[in-house]
Amino acid sequence: MGFSQIGIADVDLSSAEPGLLRWLEAGFHGSMAYMAAHGLKRARPAELRPGTVRIISARMDYLPRAAPDGWLQAESAALADPHRAVVSLYARGRDYHKVLRARLQSLADRLAAAVGPLGHRVFTDSAPVLEVEIASRAGLGWRGKHTLSLSREAGSMYFLGEIFVDLALPLDPDGAFDDGAHCGTCRACLDACPTQAIVAPYRLDARRCISYLTIEHEGAIDPALRPAMGNRIYGCDDCQTACPWNKYAQRSPLADFDVRAPWAQSTLLQLWAWDEAAFLRRTEGSAIRRIGFMRWRRNLAVALGNAARESGDPAIVQALGEALPSAPPLVAEHIEWALAQCTPS
C-alpha cells in the first residue's frame, strides 16, 4: 500500500503534556492559534476520538523515485543558485494529505475486513495529533534535535499518518524510542538552520522557521529574517539535508511523489510571471495551493529581492517594478523591500 513501516502505540501520552505546555507558553507556535486552542487535547487521543485504545502509526517515504544518488548535493546546488526557485522536497509531488488519507482509510477497511467492525478515525496532519510522539512510542523512530521524526533506516524524509482504533492491538514492549536516541552530541541541524529557529535541541521557535514563514504565516514576514530565506519560496529542508541520518533516506515506491514539472528547474522569474489563474492551474493537487496566491507572491518577492542583491540582475528589478503598481498592500510591501535590495545604500 506504499507504507514503509507500521507500529502500534498506546494512548497514554501524559508524559508529553509538560513539554507541549512549555512550548505553547513560550509563544513558539506564532500565529498558529489552533495549536493553543486545542491545547492538551493533542496529548489525549481518547478525547479526540472517544473509545480509542490504540494508535496505528504509519511511515511513508517521500523521496522521489528518480532522486539521484547525489540528491543531497543537488539540493545544495539549487540553494546556491540565486535565480532558482526552491520548494521543499516533500511538496514537489502530489499533496501528501490526499495520498496518505486515502491509503490509511484503505488500511483501516482491510483491518475491519480481517477482524470485524471497529471504531476508527484516520489522521494525516489534519487534527491535533502529536504525530512524532506517537511514532516514537510505536517504534518508528525517535525525535531528532530538529523536532522531526528520525529513523535509522530512512532518515527523516517521510510522512506520518495515524489510525485511532478501539481495538486493543498488541504493543511491542521494546518498540518505543527515547528522544535523541541516536543523535548523540551532533548539532548539525541546529547549526544549519538559516534563521536559528531551533533555539535549543528539541525546541523549535516556529516564528523564526522558514517553513512557518512561507506556509503558515499570513502576514508580513519580519524584514530581519528575509535575507536568510534566500531563494526558498515554500518550506525549507536545511535541517534535514544537514542531518547525517538522511544519507539513508529511502525513495518512495509511489509515483505520487515524483517531482512535478514546475518544481524541477523553474526560476524565480518564471514563477513570478504566473497570474492567479496560472497559479491555481499549476498547483492543482499540490500542497502548495493552500497558501493561496497572495502568500505565493509575497514569498517570491522576498526571494527575488535576495536574488537581485546577490546577482544584480536588471531583469529582476524590471519585473518587480512592473508588478508594484497593481500589487495588493501585503505583496507591495515585500516588493518595495525587494527593490530596496537592488539599490546601493
Protein backbone atom coordinates (compact mmCIF):
# COMPACT_ATOMS: atom_id res chain seq x y z
CA MET A 1 0.00 0.00 0.00
CA GLY A 2 3.03 2.28 -0.13
CA PHE A 3 3.75 2.39 3.59
CA SER A 4 7.32 1.75 4.65
CA GLN A 5 6.73 0.88 8.29
CA ILE A 6 3.82 0.50 10.71
CA GLY A 7 3.78 0.37 14.51
CA ILE A 8 1.28 0.41 17.36
CA ALA A 9 1.21 2.97 20.18
CA ASP A 10 -0.74 3.24 23.42
CA VAL A 11 -2.93 6.29 24.02
CA ASP A 12 -1.31 7.44 27.26
CA LEU A 13 0.73 10.45 26.15
CA SER A 14 0.56 12.24 29.50
CA SER A 15 4.33 12.47 29.83
CA ALA A 16 4.37 14.68 26.71
CA GLU A 17 1.98 17.24 28.21
CA PRO A 18 4.52 19.36 30.17
CA GLY A 19 6.72 19.89 27.11
CA LEU A 20 3.73 20.81 24.97
CA LEU A 21 2.56 23.36 27.55
CA ARG A 22 6.02 24.93 27.83
CA TRP A 23 6.21 25.28 24.06
CA LEU A 24 2.82 26.97 23.89
CA GLU A 25 3.54 29.24 26.87
CA ALA A 26 6.74 30.43 25.17
CA GLY A 27 4.67 31.53 22.17
CA PHE A 28 6.71 29.37 19.82
CA HIS A 29 3.57 28.46 17.86
CA GLY A 30 3.41 32.02 16.49
CA SER A 31 0.14 32.86 14.75
CA MET A 32 -0.97 29.21 14.63
CA ALA A 33 -3.78 29.91 17.09
CA TYR A 34 -5.26 26.45 16.56
CA MET A 35 -2.24 24.99 18.35
CA ALA A 36 -3.17 26.78 21.56
CA ALA A 37 -6.91 26.34 21.02
CA HIS A 38 -6.58 22.56 21.06
CA GLY A 39 -4.14 22.66 23.98
CA LEU A 40 -3.68 19.35 25.76
CA LYS A 41 -6.19 17.62 23.50
CA ARG A 42 -3.17 16.80 21.34
CA ALA A 43 -1.81 14.63 24.13
CA ARG A 44 -5.15 12.97 24.87
CA PRO A 45 -6.17 10.82 21.87
CA ALA A 46 -9.24 9.38 23.60
CA GLU A 47 -10.68 12.91 23.84
CA LEU A 48 -10.16 13.41 20.11
CA ARG A 49 -11.80 10.11 19.16
CA PRO A 50 -13.76 8.64 22.11
CA GLY A 51 -13.19 4.92 22.57
CA THR A 52 -9.65 4.95 21.18
CA VAL A 53 -7.35 2.46 22.92
CA ARG A 54 -4.55 2.10 20.36
CA ILE A 55 -2.99 4.18 17.58
CA ILE A 56 -1.65 2.69 14.37
CA SER A 57 1.27 4.87 13.26
CA ALA A 58 2.42 4.63 9.66
CA ARG A 59 5.50 5.93 7.86
CA MET A 60 5.50 6.76 4.15
CA ASP A 61 8.79 7.75 2.49
CA TYR A 62 8.58 10.64 0.05
CA LEU A 63 11.98 10.94 -1.63
CA PRO A 64 11.06 10.87 -5.35
CA ARG A 65 11.63 7.63 -7.26
CA ALA A 66 14.01 9.38 -9.66
CA ALA A 67 16.08 11.14 -6.98
CA PRO A 68 19.76 10.75 -7.97
CA ASP A 69 22.33 9.19 -5.67
CA GLY A 70 23.71 12.69 -5.16
CA TRP A 71 20.35 14.24 -4.27
CA LEU A 72 21.76 15.97 -1.19
CA GLN A 73 24.40 17.70 -3.29
CA ALA A 74 21.75 18.64 -5.87
CA GLU A 75 19.69 20.32 -3.14
CA SER A 76 22.72 22.34 -2.03
CA ALA A 77 23.42 23.37 -5.62
CA ALA A 78 19.85 24.64 -6.06
CA LEU A 79 20.13 26.80 -2.96
CA ALA A 80 23.42 28.21 -4.22
CA ASP A 81 21.82 29.44 -7.47
CA PRO A 82 20.03 32.70 -6.57
CA HIS A 83 17.81 32.54 -9.67
CA ARG A 84 16.42 29.06 -8.90
CA ALA A 85 13.10 28.72 -7.10
CA VAL A 86 13.41 26.19 -4.28
CA VAL A 87 10.37 24.33 -2.97
CA SER A 88 10.64 21.93 -0.05
CA LEU A 89 11.19 18.43 -1.36
CA TYR A 90 8.05 16.98 0.22
CA ALA A 91 5.83 19.41 -1.74
CA ARG A 92 7.14 18.72 -5.23
CA GLY A 93 4.72 15.88 -5.89
CA ARG A 94 1.06 15.27 -5.12
CA ASP A 95 -0.45 16.66 -1.92
CA TYR A 96 0.55 14.15 0.74
CA HIS A 97 -2.68 14.74 2.67
CA LYS A 98 -4.62 13.20 -0.20
CA VAL A 99 -2.23 10.29 -0.67
CA LEU A 100 -1.92 9.26 2.97
CA ARG A 101 -5.54 9.80 3.90
CA ALA A 102 -6.80 7.51 1.13
CA ARG A 103 -4.27 4.79 1.87
CA LEU A 104 -4.80 4.93 5.63
CA GLN A 105 -8.54 4.56 5.07
CA SER A 106 -7.92 1.57 2.81
CA LEU A 107 -5.74 0.06 5.52
CA ALA A 108 -8.49 0.60 8.09
CA ASP A 109 -11.01 -1.04 5.75
CA ARG A 110 -8.77 -4.06 5.27
CA LEU A 111 -8.26 -4.33 9.01
CA ALA A 112 -12.03 -4.27 9.56
CA ALA A 113 -12.47 -6.93 6.90
CA ALA A 114 -9.99 -9.14 8.76
CA VAL A 115 -11.16 -8.67 12.36
CA GLY A 116 -14.69 -7.36 12.08
CA PRO A 117 -16.24 -3.92 12.58
CA LEU A 118 -14.16 -1.46 14.58
CA GLY A 119 -14.39 2.18 15.54
CA HIS A 120 -11.63 4.21 13.94
CA ARG A 121 -10.58 7.61 12.64
CA VAL A 122 -7.82 8.43 10.16
CA PHE A 123 -5.46 11.39 10.61
CA THR A 124 -2.88 12.93 8.29
CA ASP A 125 -1.52 16.18 9.69
CA SER A 126 -5.14 17.26 9.85
CA ALA A 127 -6.05 17.41 13.55
CA PRO A 128 -4.45 17.99 16.96
CA VAL A 129 -2.30 14.85 16.97
CA LEU A 130 1.22 14.52 18.42
CA GLU A 131 2.46 12.61 15.39
CA VAL A 132 6.16 12.46 16.24
CA GLU A 133 5.47 11.46 19.84
CA ILE A 134 3.14 8.69 18.68
CA ALA A 135 5.61 7.49 16.04
CA SER A 136 8.35 7.30 18.68
CA ARG A 137 6.14 5.26 21.00
CA ALA A 138 5.19 2.98 18.11
CA GLY A 139 8.84 2.26 17.39
CA LEU A 140 9.01 4.03 14.03
CA GLY A 141 11.82 6.37 15.05
CA TRP A 142 12.97 8.94 17.58
CA ARG A 143 12.57 12.71 17.82
CA GLY A 144 15.64 14.42 16.40
CA LYS A 145 17.02 17.67 17.76
CA HIS A 146 15.20 19.48 14.93
CA THR A 147 11.96 18.05 16.44
CA LEU A 148 11.25 15.84 13.40
CA SER A 149 10.96 12.08 13.48
CA LEU A 150 14.16 10.22 12.59
CA SER A 151 14.55 6.62 11.52
CA ARG A 152 17.71 4.53 11.48
CA GLU A 153 16.64 3.11 8.10
CA ALA A 154 15.19 6.22 6.46
CA GLY A 155 16.45 9.44 8.00
CA SER A 156 13.60 11.96 8.21
CA MET A 157 12.32 12.21 4.65
CA TYR A 158 8.95 10.66 5.33
CA PHE A 159 5.36 11.49 6.22
CA LEU A 160 3.48 10.19 9.25
CA GLY A 161 -0.16 9.19 9.44
CA GLU A 162 -2.33 7.61 12.12
CA ILE A 163 -5.41 5.46 12.60
CA PHE A 164 -7.06 5.76 16.01
CA VAL A 165 -8.79 2.45 16.78
CA ASP A 166 -10.92 0.96 19.56
CA LEU A 167 -9.19 -2.39 19.08
CA ALA A 168 -6.63 -3.39 21.76
CA LEU A 169 -3.87 -4.32 19.33
CA PRO A 170 -0.73 -5.80 20.94
CA LEU A 171 2.11 -3.44 21.84
CA ASP A 172 5.80 -4.18 21.30
CA PRO A 173 7.39 -3.78 24.76
CA ASP A 174 10.74 -2.93 23.16
CA GLY A 175 9.35 -0.76 20.37
CA ALA A 176 9.45 2.75 21.82
CA PHE A 177 12.34 5.14 21.17
CA ASP A 178 13.64 7.83 23.51
CA ASP A 179 14.04 11.35 22.11
CA GLY A 180 17.50 11.79 20.64
CA ALA A 181 18.24 8.09 21.00
CA HIS A 182 20.80 8.22 18.19
CA CYS A 183 21.64 11.93 17.84
CA GLY A 184 24.41 11.96 20.45
CA THR A 185 26.37 15.22 20.51
CA CYS A 186 25.56 16.08 16.88
CA ARG A 187 24.15 19.56 16.34
CA ALA A 188 24.24 19.70 12.54
CA CYS A 189 20.55 20.63 12.27
CA LEU A 190 20.86 23.48 14.79
CA ASP A 191 23.89 24.93 13.01
CA ALA A 192 22.34 24.57 9.55
CA CYS A 193 19.10 26.45 10.26
CA PRO A 194 19.33 29.74 8.29
CA THR A 195 17.26 31.68 10.84
CA GLN A 196 18.38 29.88 14.04
CA ALA A 197 14.80 28.71 14.58
CA ILE A 198 15.99 25.63 16.50
CA VAL A 199 16.69 27.58 19.67
CA ALA A 200 17.82 24.51 21.61
CA PRO A 201 17.87 20.76 20.98
CA TYR A 202 14.25 19.56 20.56
CA ARG A 203 12.93 23.14 20.80
CA LEU A 204 11.74 24.96 17.68
CA ASP A 205 10.57 28.58 17.60
CA ALA A 206 8.16 28.39 14.67
CA ARG A 207 8.12 32.19 14.42
CA ARG A 208 11.65 32.04 13.00
CA CYS A 209 11.23 28.89 10.89
CA ILE A 210 11.23 29.42 7.11
CA SER A 211 8.63 26.66 6.67
CA TYR A 212 6.32 28.52 9.04
CA LEU A 213 7.06 31.91 7.48
CA THR A 214 6.41 30.77 3.90
CA ILE A 215 3.44 28.47 4.59
CA GLU A 216 1.60 29.10 7.87
CA HIS A 217 2.23 32.80 8.44
CA GLU A 218 -0.36 35.00 6.75
CA GLY A 219 1.05 38.49 7.29
CA ALA A 220 4.25 40.35 6.55
CA ILE A 221 7.49 38.46 7.03
CA ASP A 222 9.89 40.01 9.54
CA PRO A 223 12.37 42.06 7.45
CA ALA A 224 15.22 40.84 9.66
CA LEU A 225 14.52 37.25 8.56
CA ARG A 226 14.01 37.89 4.85
CA PRO A 227 17.68 37.79 3.77
CA ALA A 228 18.12 34.36 5.38
CA MET A 229 15.26 32.96 3.31
CA GLY A 230 17.40 33.09 0.18
CA ASN A 231 15.55 31.51 -2.76
CA ARG A 232 13.29 29.31 -0.64
CA ILE A 233 9.69 30.05 -1.65
CA TYR A 234 7.81 27.19 0.03
CA GLY A 235 9.23 25.44 3.05
CA CYS A 236 12.83 24.69 3.99
CA ASP A 237 14.76 21.41 4.19
CA ASP A 238 18.07 22.66 5.60
CA CYS A 239 17.80 20.95 8.99
CA GLN A 240 17.05 17.69 7.19
CA THR A 241 19.67 17.86 4.46
CA ALA A 242 22.30 18.65 7.12
CA CYS A 243 21.34 15.56 9.16
CA PRO A 244 23.80 12.66 8.73
CA TRP A 245 20.95 10.15 9.01
CA ASN A 246 19.45 11.32 5.72
CA LYS A 247 22.13 9.51 3.77
CA TYR A 248 19.78 6.59 4.45
CA ALA A 249 16.65 8.34 3.12
CA GLN A 250 14.51 5.92 1.13
CA ARG A 251 12.91 6.56 -2.24
CA SER A 252 9.16 6.27 -2.37
CA PRO A 253 7.71 3.41 -4.42
CA LEU A 254 4.79 5.71 -5.35
CA ALA A 255 4.52 7.85 -8.48
CA ASP A 256 2.51 10.35 -6.40
CA PHE A 257 5.71 11.87 -5.05
CA ASP A 258 7.52 12.21 -8.38
CA VAL A 259 8.61 15.80 -8.95
CA ARG A 260 6.04 17.77 -10.96
CA ALA A 261 7.24 19.94 -13.83
CA PRO A 262 7.01 23.40 -12.21
CA TRP A 263 9.28 22.40 -9.32
CA ALA A 264 12.07 20.71 -11.24
CA GLN A 265 14.14 23.58 -12.64
CA SER A 266 11.96 26.70 -12.53
CA THR A 267 13.50 30.10 -12.00
CA LEU A 268 12.04 32.75 -9.72
CA LEU A 269 11.20 34.96 -12.69
CA GLN A 270 9.36 32.16 -14.46
CA LEU A 271 7.13 31.65 -11.42
CA TRP A 272 6.74 35.41 -10.89
CA ALA A 273 5.19 35.60 -14.37
CA TRP A 274 2.23 33.46 -13.29
CA ASP A 275 -1.09 35.19 -12.74
CA GLU A 276 -3.55 33.76 -10.22
CA ALA A 277 -5.23 31.53 -12.79
CA ALA A 278 -1.88 30.01 -13.72
CA PHE A 279 -1.02 29.53 -10.05
CA LEU A 280 -4.26 27.65 -9.41
CA ARG A 281 -3.85 25.56 -12.54
CA ARG A 282 -0.21 24.66 -11.92
CA THR A 283 -0.74 23.83 -8.23
CA GLU A 284 -3.84 21.65 -8.69
CA GLY A 285 -3.43 18.57 -6.49
CA SER A 286 -0.40 20.11 -4.76
CA ALA A 287 0.04 21.07 -1.11
CA ILE A 288 1.36 24.42 -2.33
CA ARG A 289 -2.07 25.59 -3.44
CA ARG A 290 -3.30 26.00 0.12
CA ILE A 291 -1.13 29.06 0.83
CA GLY A 292 -3.04 30.99 -1.84
CA PHE A 293 -1.80 33.41 -4.48
CA MET A 294 -1.16 36.31 -2.07
CA ARG A 295 1.34 34.43 0.10
CA TRP A 296 2.83 32.87 -3.04
CA ARG A 297 3.62 36.33 -4.45
CA ARG A 298 4.86 37.55 -1.06
CA ASN A 299 7.33 34.65 -0.85
CA LEU A 300 8.52 35.15 -4.42
CA ALA A 301 9.05 38.88 -3.85
CA VAL A 302 11.37 38.14 -0.93
CA ALA A 303 13.30 35.55 -2.94
CA LEU A 304 13.61 37.94 -5.89
CA GLY A 305 14.94 40.66 -3.60
CA ASN A 306 17.58 38.27 -2.30
CA ALA A 307 18.46 37.21 -5.84
CA ALA A 308 18.75 40.81 -7.01
CA ARG A 309 21.03 41.69 -4.11
CA GLU A 310 23.28 38.74 -4.92
CA SER A 311 23.24 38.84 -8.72
CA GLY A 312 22.37 42.43 -9.66
CA ASP A 313 20.13 41.08 -12.45
CA PRO A 314 18.31 44.04 -14.06
CA ALA A 315 15.52 41.71 -15.28
CA ILE A 316 14.50 41.17 -11.65
CA VAL A 317 14.34 44.90 -10.99
CA GLN A 318 12.19 45.39 -14.09
CA ALA A 319 9.81 42.55 -13.20
CA LEU A 320 9.36 43.79 -9.65
CA GLY A 321 8.86 47.39 -10.75
CA GLU A 322 6.20 46.44 -13.31
CA ALA A 323 4.24 44.47 -10.70
CA LEU A 324 4.33 47.09 -7.97
CA PRO A 325 1.55 49.49 -9.11
CA SER A 326 -1.16 46.82 -9.15
CA ALA A 327 0.06 44.75 -6.19
CA PRO A 328 -2.16 44.40 -3.08
CA PRO A 329 -0.71 46.01 0.08
CA LEU A 330 0.89 42.88 1.56
CA VAL A 331 2.66 41.98 -1.67
CA ALA A 332 3.54 45.62 -2.43
CA GLU A 333 5.35 45.97 0.90
CA HIS A 334 7.53 42.97 0.07
CA ILE A 335 8.14 44.19 -3.49
CA GLU A 336 9.30 47.54 -2.13
CA TRP A 337 11.64 45.73 0.23
CA ALA A 338 12.93 43.62 -2.65
CA LEU A 339 13.55 46.69 -4.81
CA ALA A 340 15.46 48.28 -1.96
CA GLN A 341 17.82 45.31 -2.03
CA CYS A 342 18.72 46.30 -5.57
CA THR A 343 19.59 49.87 -4.63
CA PRO A 344 23.11 50.57 -3.34
CA SER A 345 22.95 52.01 0.18
